[in-house]
Amino acid sequence: MTRAINPQLTDSEAARMLSTALAIAARERGLSLRKIAPLVGYKQAVVLSHMATGRVPIPVEKAETFAKVLDMDAGQFLKAILKQRHPTVSWALLNGDTTGKELSFEQGLAAGLGGHTSALNEEQLAVVKEVAADPSPRRRWLSAEEAAAVEIFRRARRDEGDVDKAVRDYTRLGPVREQPSE
């Protein structure tokens, strides 16, 4: 029997956070779902996949364990899980807002950064706002492999179309880090 997909779960911040953390653990630490599953108390790795895709909800009591194993902010992850599990609750009240109004984008971003949007420069804020306004933001996100390919194309364009030189340069030098504009 196939379980119906629940948009409340698939579109949740908690599922996105878990999915991202699992991808980072795989890419940066070489941890597969099979390796992670027993670390967070599951026998079957498929359960993690179901949680990350929003097929099943993430258990509240697992928030700290997931956060510790996957290097996530435990408080932010717990809040996201609670919102996933209880979407009709006025979460603004937990943020100290007794008016019951939800936080603005800037206020939510500041709360997520520990109260300091000053940690982001203007370019970063502009990108975050642009992504937030896009109805399909995941199509903008590049994997590490895709980012490398884009970097090679940019170098080839700079080098007047010499793709072979761009590939050699990228292999030898790695990605170019653009300096932030002042």
C-alpha atoms as a PDB file:
ATOM      1  CA  MET A   1       0.000   0.000   0.000  1.00  0.00           C
ATOM      2  CA  THR A   2       1.384   3.383  -1.024  1.00  0.00           C
ATOM      3  CA  ARG A   3       1.010   6.251   1.412  1.00  0.00           C
ATOM      4  CA  ALA A   4      -0.486   9.438  -0.053  1.00  0.00           C
ATOM      5  CA  ILE A   5       1.841  12.425  -0.262  1.00  0.00           C
ATOM      6  CA  ASN A   6       0.883  15.181   2.169  1.00  0.00           C
ATOM      7  CA  PRO A   7       1.840  18.653   0.831  1.00  0.00           C
ATOM      8  CA  GLN A   8       1.981  19.961   4.415  1.00  0.00           C
ATOM      9  CA  LEU A   9       4.927  17.616   4.970  1.00  0.00           C
ATOM     10  CA  THR A  10       6.641  17.815   1.568  1.00  0.00           C
ATOM     11  CA  ASP A  11       6.624  21.613   1.534  1.00  0.00           C
ATOM     12  CA  SER A  12       7.801  21.924   5.127  1.00  0.00           C
ATOM     13  CA  GLU A  13      10.928  23.675   6.303  1.00  0.00           C
ATOM     14  CA  ALA A  14      11.711  20.612   8.450  1.00  0.00           C
ATOM     15  CA  ALA A  15      11.797  18.275   5.430  1.00  0.00           C
ATOM     16  CA  ARG A  16      13.969  20.762   3.496  1.00  0.00           C
ATOM     17  CA  MET A  17      16.350  21.143   6.443  1.00  0.00           C
ATOM     18  CA  LEU A  18      16.686  17.379   6.859  1.00  0.00           C
ATOM     19  CA  SER A  19      17.128  16.818   3.133  1.00  0.00           C
ATOM     20  CA  THR A  20      19.849  19.471   2.963  1.00  0.00           C
ATOM     21  CA  ALA A  21      21.636  18.159   6.066  1.00  0.00           C
ATOM     22  CA  LEU A  22      21.603  14.594   4.714  1.00  0.00           C
ATOM     23  CA  ALA A  23      23.032  15.779   1.381  1.00  0.00           C
ATOM     24  CA  ILE A  24      25.776  17.746   3.127  1.00  0.00           C
ATOM     25  CA  ALA A  25      26.633  14.773   5.363  1.00  0.00           C
ATOM     26  CA  ALA A  26      26.911  12.567   2.289  1.00  0.00           C
ATOM     27  CA  ARG A  27      28.964  15.055   0.281  1.00  0.00           C
ATOM     28  CA  GLU A  28      31.267  16.395   2.980  1.00  0.00           C
ATOM     29  CA  ARG A  29      31.541  13.495   5.415  1.00  0.00           C
ATOM     30  CA  GLY A  30      30.855  10.494   3.192  1.00  0.00           C
ATOM     31  CA  LEU A  31      27.872   9.408   5.306  1.00  0.00           C
ATOM     32  CA  SER A  32      25.229   7.402   3.478  1.00  0.00           C
ATOM     33  CA  LEU A  33      21.661   7.026   4.701  1.00  0.00           C
ATOM     34  CA  ARG A  34      22.586   3.487   5.782  1.00  0.00           C
ATOM     35  CA  LYS A  35      25.374   4.844   7.980  1.00  0.00           C
ATOM     36  CA  ILE A  36      23.252   7.646   9.404  1.00  0.00           C
ATOM     37  CA  ALA A  37      20.144   5.543  10.187  1.00  0.00           C
ATOM     38  CA  PRO A  38      21.582   3.661  13.196  1.00  0.00           C
ATOM     39  CA  LEU A  39      23.207   6.869  14.478  1.00  0.00           C
ATOM     40  CA  VAL A  40      19.748   8.431  14.807  1.00  0.00           C
ATOM     41  CA  GLY A  41      18.033   5.263  16.046  1.00  0.00           C
ATOM     42  CA  TYR A  42      16.577   3.649  12.928  1.00  0.00           C
ATOM     43  CA  LYS A  43      17.175   0.184  11.496  1.00  0.00           C
ATOM     44  CA  GLN A  44      16.043   1.065   7.971  1.00  0.00           C
ATOM     45  CA  ALA A  45      17.598   3.919   5.997  1.00  0.00           C
ATOM     46  CA  VAL A  46      14.462   4.340   3.905  1.00  0.00           C
ATOM     47  CA  VAL A  47      12.780   5.991   6.908  1.00  0.00           C
ATOM     48  CA  LEU A  48      15.240   8.892   6.618  1.00  0.00           C
ATOM     49  CA  SER A  49      14.477   9.227   2.933  1.00  0.00           C
ATOM     50  CA  HIS A  50      10.748   9.302   3.662  1.00  0.00           C
ATOM     51  CA  MET A  51      11.244  12.033   6.291  1.00  0.00           C
ATOM     52  CA  ALA A  52      13.509  14.119   4.043  1.00  0.00           C
ATOM     53  CA  THR A  53      11.029  13.993   1.167  1.00  0.00           C
ATOM     54  CA  GLY A  54       8.077  14.697   3.437  1.00  0.00           C
ATOM     55  CA  ARG A  55       6.457  11.338   2.961  1.00  0.00           C
ATOM     56  CA  VAL A  56       6.287  10.878   6.741  1.00  0.00           C
ATOM     57  CA  PRO A  57       6.604  13.484   9.502  1.00  0.00           C
ATOM     58  CA  ILE A  58       9.806  13.877  11.469  1.00  0.00           C
ATOM     59  CA  PRO A  59       9.321  12.819  15.114  1.00  0.00           C
ATOM     60  CA  VAL A  60       9.681  15.738  17.538  1.00  0.00           C
ATOM     61  CA  GLU A  61      11.656  13.595  19.965  1.00  0.00           C
ATOM     62  CA  LYS A  62      14.325  12.964  17.282  1.00  0.00           C
ATOM     63  CA  ALA A  63      15.118  16.669  16.697  1.00  0.00           C
ATOM     64  CA  GLU A  64      18.149  16.816  18.990  1.00  0.00           C
ATOM     65  CA  THR A  65      19.546  13.502  17.777  1.00  0.00           C
ATOM     66  CA  PHE A  66      19.262  14.504  14.114  1.00  0.00           C
ATOM     67  CA  ALA A  67      20.756  17.915  14.887  1.00  0.00           C
ATOM     68  CA  LYS A  68      23.736  16.418  16.696  1.00  0.00           C
ATOM     69  CA  VAL A  69      24.488  13.752  14.070  1.00  0.00           C
ATOM     70  CA  LEU A  70      23.928  16.070  11.084  1.00  0.00           C
ATOM     71  CA  ASP A  71      25.490  19.253  12.532  1.00  0.00           C
ATOM     72  CA  MET A  72      22.233  21.202  12.456  1.00  0.00           C
ATOM     73  CA  ASP A  73      21.004  23.993  14.709  1.00  0.00           C
ATOM     74  CA  ALA A  74      18.878  21.995  17.157  1.00  0.00           C
ATOM     75  CA  GLY A  75      16.598  24.890  18.082  1.00  0.00           C
ATOM     76  CA  GLN A  76      15.841  25.853  14.483  1.00  0.00           C
ATOM     77  CA  PHE A  77      15.268  22.232  13.514  1.00  0.00           C
ATOM     78  CA  LEU A  78      12.952  21.619  16.469  1.00  0.00           C
ATOM     79  CA  LYS A  79      10.911  24.730  15.567  1.00  0.00           C
ATOM     80  CA  ALA A  80      10.666  23.539  11.965  1.00  0.00           C
ATOM     81  CA  ILE A  81       9.503  20.087  13.087  1.00  0.00           C
ATOM     82  CA  LEU A  82       6.903  21.607  15.394  1.00  0.00           C
ATOM     83  CA  LYS A  83       5.616  23.783  12.541  1.00  0.00           C
ATOM     84  CA  GLN A  84       5.482  20.686  10.316  1.00  0.00           C
ATOM     85  CA  ARG A  85       3.551  18.707  12.914  1.00  0.00           C
ATOM     86  CA  HIS A  86       1.290  21.550  14.088  1.00  0.00           C
ATOM     87  CA  PRO A  87       0.814  24.023  11.222  1.00  0.00           C
ATOM     88  CA  THR A  88      -2.196  25.820  12.732  1.00  0.00           C
ATOM     89  CA  VAL A  89      -0.411  26.931  15.920  1.00  0.00           C
ATOM     90  CA  SER A  90       0.493  30.645  16.119  1.00  0.00           C
ATOM     91  CA  TRP A  91       4.272  30.300  16.369  1.00  0.00           C
ATOM     92  CA  ALA A  92       4.742  34.067  16.656  1.00  0.00           C
ATOM     93  CA  LEU A  93       3.718  33.730  20.308  1.00  0.00           C
ATOM     94  CA  LEU A  94       6.783  31.574  20.982  1.00  0.00           C
ATOM     95  CA  ASN A  95       9.001  34.295  19.551  1.00  0.00           C
ATOM     96  CA  GLY A  96       7.782  36.702  22.232  1.00  0.00           C
ATOM     97  CA  ASP A  97       5.252  38.439  19.985  1.00  0.00           C
ATOM     98  CA  THR A  98       2.069  38.714  22.022  1.00  0.00           C
ATOM     99  CA  THR A  99       0.171  40.287  19.125  1.00  0.00           C
ATOM    100  CA  GLY A 100      -0.050  36.875  17.455  1.00  0.00           C
ATOM    101  CA  LYS A 101       1.218  38.249  14.123  1.00  0.00           C
ATOM    102  CA  GLU A 102       3.656  36.173  12.156  1.00  0.00           C
ATOM    103  CA  LEU A 103       7.183  37.508  11.719  1.00  0.00           C
ATOM    104  CA  SER A 104       8.079  39.497   8.615  1.00  0.00           C
ATOM    105  CA  PHE A 105      10.640  38.010   6.274  1.00  0.00           C
ATOM    106  CA  GLU A 106      13.383  40.215   7.719  1.00  0.00           C
ATOM    107  CA  GLN A 107      12.359  39.404  11.311  1.00  0.00           C
ATOM    108  CA  GLY A 108      12.299  35.675  10.552  1.00  0.00           C
ATOM    109  CA  LEU A 109      15.672  35.881   8.865  1.00  0.00           C
ATOM    110  CA  ALA A 110      17.087  37.779  11.845  1.00  0.00           C
ATOM    111  CA  ALA A 111      15.651  35.192  14.241  1.00  0.00           C
ATOM    112  CA  GLY A 112      17.253  32.413  12.188  1.00  0.00           C
ATOM    113  CA  LEU A 113      20.611  34.186  12.385  1.00  0.00           C
ATOM    114  CA  GLY A 114      20.427  34.607  16.137  1.00  0.00           C
ATOM    115  CA  GLY A 115      18.912  38.072  15.879  1.00  0.00           C
ATOM    116  CA  HIS A 116      21.569  39.589  13.633  1.00  0.00           C
ATOM    117  CA  THR A 117      20.911  40.190   9.942  1.00  0.00           C
ATOM    118  CA  SER A 118      24.081  42.247  10.106  1.00  0.00           C
ATOM    119  CA  ALA A 119      25.880  38.901   9.644  1.00  0.00           C
ATOM    120  CA  LEU A 120      24.829  39.098   5.980  1.00  0.00           C
ATOM    121  CA  ASN A 121      26.130  41.596   3.463  1.00  0.00           C
ATOM    122  CA  GLU A 122      23.817  43.401   0.997  1.00  0.00           C
ATOM    123  CA  GLU A 123      24.497  40.902  -1.798  1.00  0.00           C
ATOM    124  CA  GLN A 124      23.605  37.961   0.452  1.00  0.00           C
ATOM    125  CA  LEU A 125      20.407  39.669   1.608  1.00  0.00           C
ATOM    126  CA  ALA A 126      19.464  40.406  -2.016  1.00  0.00           C
ATOM    127  CA  VAL A 127      19.991  36.744  -2.982  1.00  0.00           C
ATOM    128  CA  VAL A 128      17.954  35.486  -0.009  1.00  0.00           C
ATOM    129  CA  LYS A 129      15.080  37.847  -0.890  1.00  0.00           C
ATOM    130  CA  GLU A 130      15.231  36.829  -4.549  1.00  0.00           C
ATOM    131  CA  VAL A 131      15.100  33.139  -3.676  1.00  0.00           C
ATOM    132  CA  ALA A 132      12.279  33.703  -1.197  1.00  0.00           C
ATOM    133  CA  ALA A 133      10.232  35.450  -3.904  1.00  0.00           C
ATOM    134  CA  ASP A 134      10.750  32.656  -6.447  1.00  0.00           C
ATOM    135  CA  PRO A 135       7.912  30.092  -6.533  1.00  0.00           C
ATOM    136  CA  SER A 136      10.395  27.364  -7.548  1.00  0.00           C
ATOM    137  CA  PRO A 137      13.624  28.236  -5.734  1.00  0.00           C
ATOM    138  CA  ARG A 138      15.153  24.742  -5.852  1.00  0.00           C
ATOM    139  CA  ARG A 139      15.646  25.047  -9.608  1.00  0.00           C
ATOM    140  CA  ARG A 140      18.130  27.847  -8.856  1.00  0.00           C
ATOM    141  CA  TRP A 141      20.263  25.730  -6.545  1.00  0.00           C
ATOM    142  CA  LEU A 142      23.328  24.055  -8.032  1.00  0.00           C
ATOM    143  CA  SER A 143      24.970  20.919  -6.740  1.00  0.00           C
ATOM    144  CA  ALA A 144      28.740  21.021  -6.229  1.00  0.00           C
ATOM    145  CA  GLU A 145      29.189  19.236  -9.563  1.00  0.00           C
ATOM    146  CA  GLU A 146      26.896  21.656 -11.394  1.00  0.00           C
ATOM    147  CA  ALA A 147      28.648  24.647  -9.832  1.00  0.00           C
ATOM    148  CA  ALA A 148      31.967  23.283 -11.106  1.00  0.00           C
ATOM    149  CA  ALA A 149      30.535  22.979 -14.624  1.00  0.00           C
ATOM    150  CA  VAL A 150      29.241  26.561 -14.502  1.00  0.00           C
ATOM    151  CA  GLU A 151      32.652  27.763 -13.321  1.00  0.00           C
ATOM    152  CA  ILE A 152      34.294  25.994 -16.276  1.00  0.00           C
ATOM    153  CA  PHE A 153      31.838  27.643 -18.701  1.00  0.00           C
ATOM    154  CA  ARG A 154      32.544  31.052 -17.182  1.00  0.00           C
ATOM    155  CA  ARG A 155      36.286  30.511 -17.580  1.00  0.00           C
ATOM    156  CA  ALA A 156      35.811  29.310 -21.149  1.00  0.00           C
ATOM    157  CA  ARG A 157      33.823  32.451 -21.959  1.00  0.00           C
ATOM    158  CA  ARG A 158      36.560  34.588 -20.379  1.00  0.00           C
ATOM    159  CA  ASP A 159      39.212  32.652 -22.330  1.00  0.00           C
ATOM    160  CA  GLU A 160      37.392  33.245 -25.640  1.00  0.00           C
ATOM    161  CA  GLY A 161      35.767  29.819 -25.808  1.00  0.00           C
ATOM    162  CA  ASP A 162      38.798  27.661 -25.023  1.00  0.00           C
ATOM    163  CA  VAL A 163      36.981  24.938 -23.052  1.00  0.00           C
ATOM    164  CA  ASP A 164      40.054  22.710 -22.798  1.00  0.00           C
ATOM    165  CA  LYS A 165      42.046  25.542 -21.181  1.00  0.00           C
ATOM    166  CA  ALA A 166      39.149  26.288 -18.818  1.00  0.00           C
ATOM    167  CA  VAL A 167      38.966  22.631 -17.715  1.00  0.00           C
ATOM    168  CA  ARG A 168      42.748  22.511 -17.179  1.00  0.00           C
ATOM    169  CA  ASP A 169      42.656  25.755 -15.186  1.00  0.00           C
ATOM    170  CA  TYR A 170      39.746  24.588 -13.074  1.00  0.00           C
ATOM    171  CA  THR A 171      41.426  21.237 -12.389  1.00  0.00           C
ATOM    172  CA  ARG A 172      44.675  22.956 -11.468  1.00  0.00           C
ATOM    173  CA  LEU A 173      43.368  26.001  -9.593  1.00  0.00           C
ATOM    174  CA  GLY A 174      39.903  25.085  -8.341  1.00  0.00           C
ATOM    175  CA  PRO A 175      36.967  27.478  -8.264  1.00  0.00           C
ATOM    176  CA  VAL A 176      37.535  31.213  -8.440  1.00  0.00           C
ATOM    177  CA  ARG A 177      36.364  33.039  -5.338  1.00  0.00           C
ATOM    178  CA  GLU A 178      34.862  36.346  -6.369  1.00  0.00           C
ATOM    179  CA  GLN A 179      35.746  39.246  -4.108  1.00  0.00           C
ATOM    180  CA  PRO A 180      32.680  40.902  -2.570  1.00  0.00           C
ATOM    181  CA  SER A 181      31.871  44.260  -4.131  1.00  0.00           C
ATOM    182  CA  GLU A 182      32.366  47.181  -1.788  1.00  0.00           C
END
